[in-house]
Amino acid sequence: MEPPRSLCSLPPEGAPAALGRPGGDRASLDDKDDSIVVLGIGNVLWADEGFGVRCVEALDQRFSFAPHVQLIDGGTQGLYLIHHVQAARQLLIFDAIDYGLEPGTLKLIEDDEVPRFMGAKKMSLHQTGFQEVLALAQLTESFPEKVLLIGCQPEELEDYGGSLRPRIKLALEDALALGVDALRRWGAEPSPRLAAPVGDEAVTVPTLSLGAYEAGRPAEDQACRIGDERFMPPRAAAAVTDTSGATPCASVSR
């Protein structure tokens, strides 16, 4: 993985670096007085679970922000995101959340309700890890003054290598509007870009950007849809029968 493009303090030695970019060229988030962190979490490999990451990617492509704003592709890094949360005065989180509602439904949770809500609505391992991040920030008295979670009810999670479903892509547009509105109130100074950042200037690794990810997905007869078969134990009893003649895939949990 490439070096971090973050102006926050670096994660512990040996930890994977979250990908991020500051809102402006003069950014310094060492001063918490006005720092704003926008964090997208989730796993893009499992269809709608990548909602949060795709939100931050879209924000980065469409808007520039004041120097004290940082956009972070947090992926599934859990506790390794603690330094970003501790550095924020105001924290905006995008994530796929199982609310038990109609797919594509958005729900906003604020401030102290966010860690309690994520603890009660675990959908994936990354949410367990991020709940611990929020709890640790509270324990160290470094919890942001304002926290807003914009969560989306997913439609499909069991599609390895899949992308956002159409109704989740539509919900993403509404989530961005809500996020930009909150950021504007917080003083993030969002401004439409004339051109999207490319290469190392983008918050998302180019090979994992939405367009490249969707275009590069192999056909179903060439790639397992329920996990990476290279890492699956060869258990015939758990094999999925494939009538198309493709190599069977064993069942795997996320």
Protein backbone atom coordinates (compact mmCIF):
# COMPACT_ATOMS: atom_id res chain seq x y z
CA MET A 1 0.00 0.00 0.00
CA GLU A 2 1.23 3.46 -0.84
CA PRO A 3 2.37 5.86 1.93
CA PRO A 4 -0.38 7.77 3.73
CA ARG A 5 -1.46 11.09 2.31
CA SER A 6 -2.64 12.27 5.71
CA LEU A 7 -1.61 15.30 7.70
CA CYS A 8 -2.84 13.77 10.94
CA SER A 9 -0.40 11.92 13.17
CA LEU A 10 0.65 8.59 11.70
CA PRO A 11 -0.86 5.31 12.94
CA PRO A 12 1.16 2.95 15.13
CA GLU A 13 4.18 1.32 13.53
CA GLY A 14 3.13 -1.63 11.40
CA ALA A 15 -0.46 -0.46 11.08
CA PRO A 16 -1.98 -0.03 7.61
CA ALA A 17 -2.45 3.63 6.74
CA ALA A 18 -5.91 4.94 5.97
CA LEU A 19 -6.01 6.82 2.70
CA GLY A 20 -6.89 10.47 2.96
CA ARG A 21 -6.35 13.89 1.56
CA PRO A 22 -6.64 17.36 3.09
CA GLY A 23 -9.18 19.83 1.83
CA GLY A 24 -6.52 22.39 0.93
CA ASP A 25 -2.79 22.67 0.33
CA ARG A 26 -2.08 24.42 3.65
CA ALA A 27 -3.91 21.94 5.84
CA SER A 28 -2.73 21.13 9.33
CA LEU A 29 -4.95 19.04 11.57
CA ASP A 30 -2.67 19.21 14.59
CA ASP A 31 -4.86 22.04 15.86
CA LYS A 32 -8.19 20.52 16.88
CA ASP A 33 -9.90 23.90 17.25
CA ASP A 34 -11.43 23.77 13.77
CA SER A 35 -10.48 20.35 12.34
CA ILE A 36 -13.16 18.46 10.41
CA VAL A 37 -12.75 14.81 9.41
CA VAL A 38 -14.99 13.10 6.87
CA LEU A 39 -14.70 9.34 7.18
CA GLY A 40 -16.07 6.65 4.89
CA ILE A 41 -15.93 3.13 6.27
CA GLY A 42 -16.87 -0.24 4.81
CA ASN A 43 -15.65 -3.00 2.51
CA VAL A 44 -15.97 -2.26 -1.21
CA LEU A 45 -15.46 -5.96 -2.01
CA TRP A 46 -18.92 -6.85 -0.67
CA ALA A 47 -21.32 -4.80 -2.80
CA ASP A 48 -23.38 -2.34 -0.73
CA GLU A 49 -21.05 -2.60 2.26
CA GLY A 50 -18.80 -0.22 0.34
CA PHE A 51 -21.36 2.59 0.58
CA GLY A 52 -19.35 4.71 3.03
CA VAL A 53 -16.13 4.52 1.04
CA ARG A 54 -17.96 5.41 -2.17
CA CYS A 55 -19.50 8.46 -0.50
CA VAL A 56 -16.10 9.86 0.46
CA GLU A 57 -14.76 9.06 -3.00
CA ALA A 58 -17.62 10.98 -4.61
CA LEU A 59 -17.16 13.95 -2.26
CA ASP A 60 -13.49 14.09 -3.18
CA GLN A 61 -14.27 13.97 -6.90
CA ARG A 62 -16.92 16.69 -6.79
CA PHE A 63 -15.90 19.14 -4.07
CA SER A 64 -12.89 20.90 -2.62
CA PHE A 65 -12.89 22.00 1.01
CA ALA A 66 -11.18 24.38 3.40
CA PRO A 67 -7.63 23.44 4.52
CA HIS A 68 -8.79 22.22 7.93
CA VAL A 69 -10.98 19.48 6.36
CA GLN A 70 -9.71 15.97 5.70
CA LEU A 71 -11.40 13.21 3.73
CA ILE A 72 -10.49 9.67 4.80
CA ASP A 73 -11.09 6.37 3.05
CA GLY A 74 -11.17 4.30 6.24
CA GLY A 75 -12.08 1.00 4.63
CA THR A 76 -12.21 -1.75 7.29
CA GLN A 77 -9.28 -0.57 9.41
CA GLY A 78 -11.11 -0.34 12.71
CA LEU A 79 -8.83 0.67 15.59
CA TYR A 80 -6.20 2.03 13.22
CA LEU A 81 -8.55 4.97 12.59
CA ILE A 82 -8.34 6.17 16.20
CA HIS A 83 -5.86 8.97 15.51
CA HIS A 84 -8.17 10.47 12.88
CA VAL A 85 -11.15 10.46 15.25
CA GLN A 86 -9.12 11.91 18.12
CA ALA A 87 -7.86 14.70 15.85
CA ALA A 88 -11.35 15.81 14.82
CA ARG A 89 -13.43 18.52 16.39
CA GLN A 90 -16.27 17.61 14.03
CA LEU A 91 -16.64 14.16 12.50
CA LEU A 92 -18.86 13.10 9.61
CA ILE A 93 -19.21 9.33 9.04
CA PHE A 94 -20.68 7.53 6.04
CA ASP A 95 -21.46 3.82 6.40
CA ALA A 96 -23.85 1.05 5.40
CA ILE A 97 -26.01 0.29 8.43
CA ASP A 98 -28.60 -2.44 8.91
CA TYR A 99 -31.55 -0.46 10.22
CA GLY A 100 -34.03 -3.16 9.22
CA LEU A 101 -35.60 -0.69 6.79
CA GLU A 102 -36.27 -0.59 3.06
CA PRO A 103 -32.98 -0.82 1.09
CA GLY A 104 -31.68 2.63 0.23
CA THR A 105 -33.25 4.29 3.26
CA LEU A 106 -30.99 6.85 4.92
CA LYS A 107 -30.91 7.50 8.65
CA LEU A 108 -28.96 10.17 10.53
CA ILE A 109 -27.56 9.57 14.00
CA GLU A 110 -25.78 12.30 15.97
CA ASP A 111 -23.21 12.78 18.73
CA ASP A 112 -23.33 10.42 21.74
CA GLU A 113 -25.96 8.27 20.05
CA VAL A 114 -23.49 7.20 17.34
CA PRO A 115 -21.32 4.77 19.39
CA ARG A 116 -24.40 3.39 21.14
CA PHE A 117 -26.19 2.89 17.86
CA MET A 118 -23.25 1.21 16.10
CA GLY A 119 -22.85 -1.09 19.08
CA ALA A 120 -26.47 -2.20 18.80
CA LYS A 121 -26.54 -2.50 15.00
CA LYS A 122 -23.43 -4.51 14.14
CA MET A 123 -23.55 -5.67 10.54
CA SER A 124 -19.92 -6.45 9.85
CA LEU A 125 -16.58 -6.80 11.64
CA HIS A 126 -15.49 -3.31 10.59
CA GLN A 127 -18.35 -1.85 12.63
CA THR A 128 -17.25 -3.75 15.73
CA GLY A 129 -13.78 -2.26 15.30
CA PHE A 130 -15.07 1.24 14.71
CA GLN A 131 -17.33 1.08 17.75
CA GLU A 132 -14.16 0.44 19.75
CA VAL A 133 -12.56 3.48 18.09
CA LEU A 134 -15.40 5.69 19.28
CA ALA A 135 -15.31 4.16 22.77
CA LEU A 136 -11.55 4.72 23.00
CA ALA A 137 -11.95 8.34 21.89
CA GLN A 138 -14.47 8.83 24.69
CA LEU A 139 -12.22 7.09 27.21
CA THR A 140 -9.27 9.33 26.30
CA GLU A 141 -11.50 12.43 26.38
CA SER A 142 -10.78 13.04 22.71
CA PHE A 143 -14.28 12.50 21.36
CA PRO A 144 -15.27 15.06 18.70
CA GLU A 145 -17.61 17.85 19.74
CA LYS A 146 -19.93 17.05 16.86
CA VAL A 147 -20.47 13.65 15.24
CA LEU A 148 -22.88 12.87 12.43
CA LEU A 149 -23.41 9.36 11.06
CA ILE A 150 -25.16 9.15 7.71
CA GLY A 151 -26.09 5.50 7.30
CA CYS A 152 -27.74 3.70 4.42
CA GLN A 153 -29.75 0.48 4.59
CA PRO A 154 -27.96 -1.93 2.19
CA GLU A 155 -29.70 -4.13 -0.34
CA GLU A 156 -27.02 -6.73 -1.15
CA LEU A 157 -24.01 -7.79 0.90
CA GLU A 158 -23.36 -11.35 -0.26
CA ASP A 159 -21.84 -10.52 -3.65
CA TYR A 160 -18.05 -10.77 -3.54
CA GLY A 161 -16.53 -8.34 -6.03
CA GLY A 162 -19.87 -6.67 -6.63
CA SER A 163 -20.63 -2.96 -6.61
CA LEU A 164 -23.38 -0.78 -5.18
CA ARG A 165 -26.87 -1.73 -6.28
CA PRO A 166 -28.77 0.89 -8.33
CA ARG A 167 -31.03 2.03 -5.50
CA ILE A 168 -28.01 2.37 -3.19
CA LYS A 169 -26.29 4.54 -5.81
CA LEU A 170 -29.38 6.75 -5.81
CA ALA A 171 -29.29 6.92 -2.02
CA LEU A 172 -25.63 7.93 -2.24
CA GLU A 173 -26.66 11.12 -4.03
CA ASP A 174 -29.04 12.02 -1.20
CA ALA A 175 -26.40 11.15 1.38
CA LEU A 176 -23.91 13.47 -0.32
CA ALA A 177 -26.43 16.32 -0.26
CA LEU A 178 -27.01 15.78 3.46
CA GLY A 179 -23.28 15.55 4.11
CA VAL A 180 -22.42 18.68 2.15
CA ASP A 181 -25.15 20.58 3.97
CA ALA A 182 -23.72 19.52 7.36
CA LEU A 183 -20.18 20.36 6.26
CA ARG A 184 -21.28 23.79 5.10
CA ARG A 185 -22.84 24.47 8.52
CA TRP A 186 -19.62 23.34 10.20
CA GLY A 187 -17.51 25.76 8.16
CA ALA A 188 -15.95 23.26 5.75
CA GLU A 189 -16.51 25.62 2.79
CA PRO A 190 -17.44 23.01 0.15
CA SER A 191 -16.90 24.26 -3.37
CA PRO A 192 -17.67 22.38 -6.63
CA ARG A 193 -14.56 21.23 -8.46
CA LEU A 194 -13.85 22.06 -12.07
CA ALA A 195 -11.99 18.75 -12.43
CA ALA A 196 -11.74 15.67 -10.24
CA PRO A 197 -8.38 14.83 -8.64
CA VAL A 198 -6.48 11.98 -10.29
CA GLY A 199 -3.79 9.51 -9.33
CA ASP A 200 -2.15 10.15 -5.98
CA GLU A 201 -4.23 13.30 -5.49
CA ALA A 202 -7.43 11.25 -5.12
CA VAL A 203 -8.61 9.95 -1.76
CA THR A 204 -9.26 6.46 -3.19
CA VAL A 205 -6.57 4.26 -4.74
CA PRO A 206 -7.16 4.60 -8.52
CA THR A 207 -7.48 0.85 -9.09
CA LEU A 208 -10.29 0.70 -6.49
CA SER A 209 -12.20 3.75 -7.71
CA LEU A 210 -15.82 2.99 -8.53
CA GLY A 211 -15.43 3.14 -12.31
CA ALA A 212 -12.26 1.05 -12.43
CA TYR A 213 -13.65 -1.44 -9.93
CA GLU A 214 -16.85 -2.03 -11.88
CA ALA A 215 -15.09 -2.19 -15.24
CA GLY A 216 -12.48 -4.65 -14.01
CA ARG A 217 -14.80 -7.26 -12.50
CA PRO A 218 -14.39 -10.65 -14.21
CA ALA A 219 -17.36 -12.55 -15.55
CA GLU A 220 -19.21 -14.84 -13.16
CA ASP A 221 -17.75 -17.98 -14.74
CA GLN A 222 -14.26 -16.63 -14.09
CA ALA A 223 -14.58 -15.40 -10.51
CA CYS A 224 -16.31 -16.73 -7.42
CA ARG A 225 -19.18 -14.51 -6.25
CA ILE A 226 -19.24 -15.64 -2.59
CA GLY A 227 -15.58 -15.18 -1.66
CA ASP A 228 -12.02 -15.61 -2.86
CA GLU A 229 -11.69 -19.32 -3.58
CA ARG A 230 -7.89 -19.15 -3.20
CA PHE A 231 -8.38 -18.78 0.55
CA MET A 232 -11.19 -21.28 1.02
CA PRO A 233 -10.57 -24.72 2.56
CA PRO A 234 -11.47 -27.49 0.09
CA ARG A 235 -14.60 -28.82 1.77
CA ALA A 236 -16.78 -30.70 -0.67
CA ALA A 237 -19.75 -30.56 1.68
CA ALA A 238 -19.74 -26.78 1.59
CA ALA A 239 -19.21 -26.52 -2.15
CA VAL A 240 -21.76 -24.67 -4.20
CA THR A 241 -22.86 -26.57 -7.29
CA ASP A 242 -22.36 -24.56 -10.46
CA THR A 243 -24.37 -25.88 -13.42
CA SER A 244 -22.53 -23.57 -15.85
CA GLY A 245 -19.39 -25.68 -15.66
CA ALA A 246 -17.35 -23.12 -13.72
CA THR A 247 -15.18 -24.13 -10.79
CA PRO A 248 -17.39 -24.60 -7.71
CA CYS A 249 -16.98 -22.13 -4.87
CA ALA A 250 -17.07 -23.01 -1.20
CA SER A 251 -19.29 -20.99 1.08
CA VAL A 252 -17.53 -18.31 3.09
CA SER A 253 -18.58 -15.85 5.75
CA ARG A 254 -17.44 -12.21 5.76
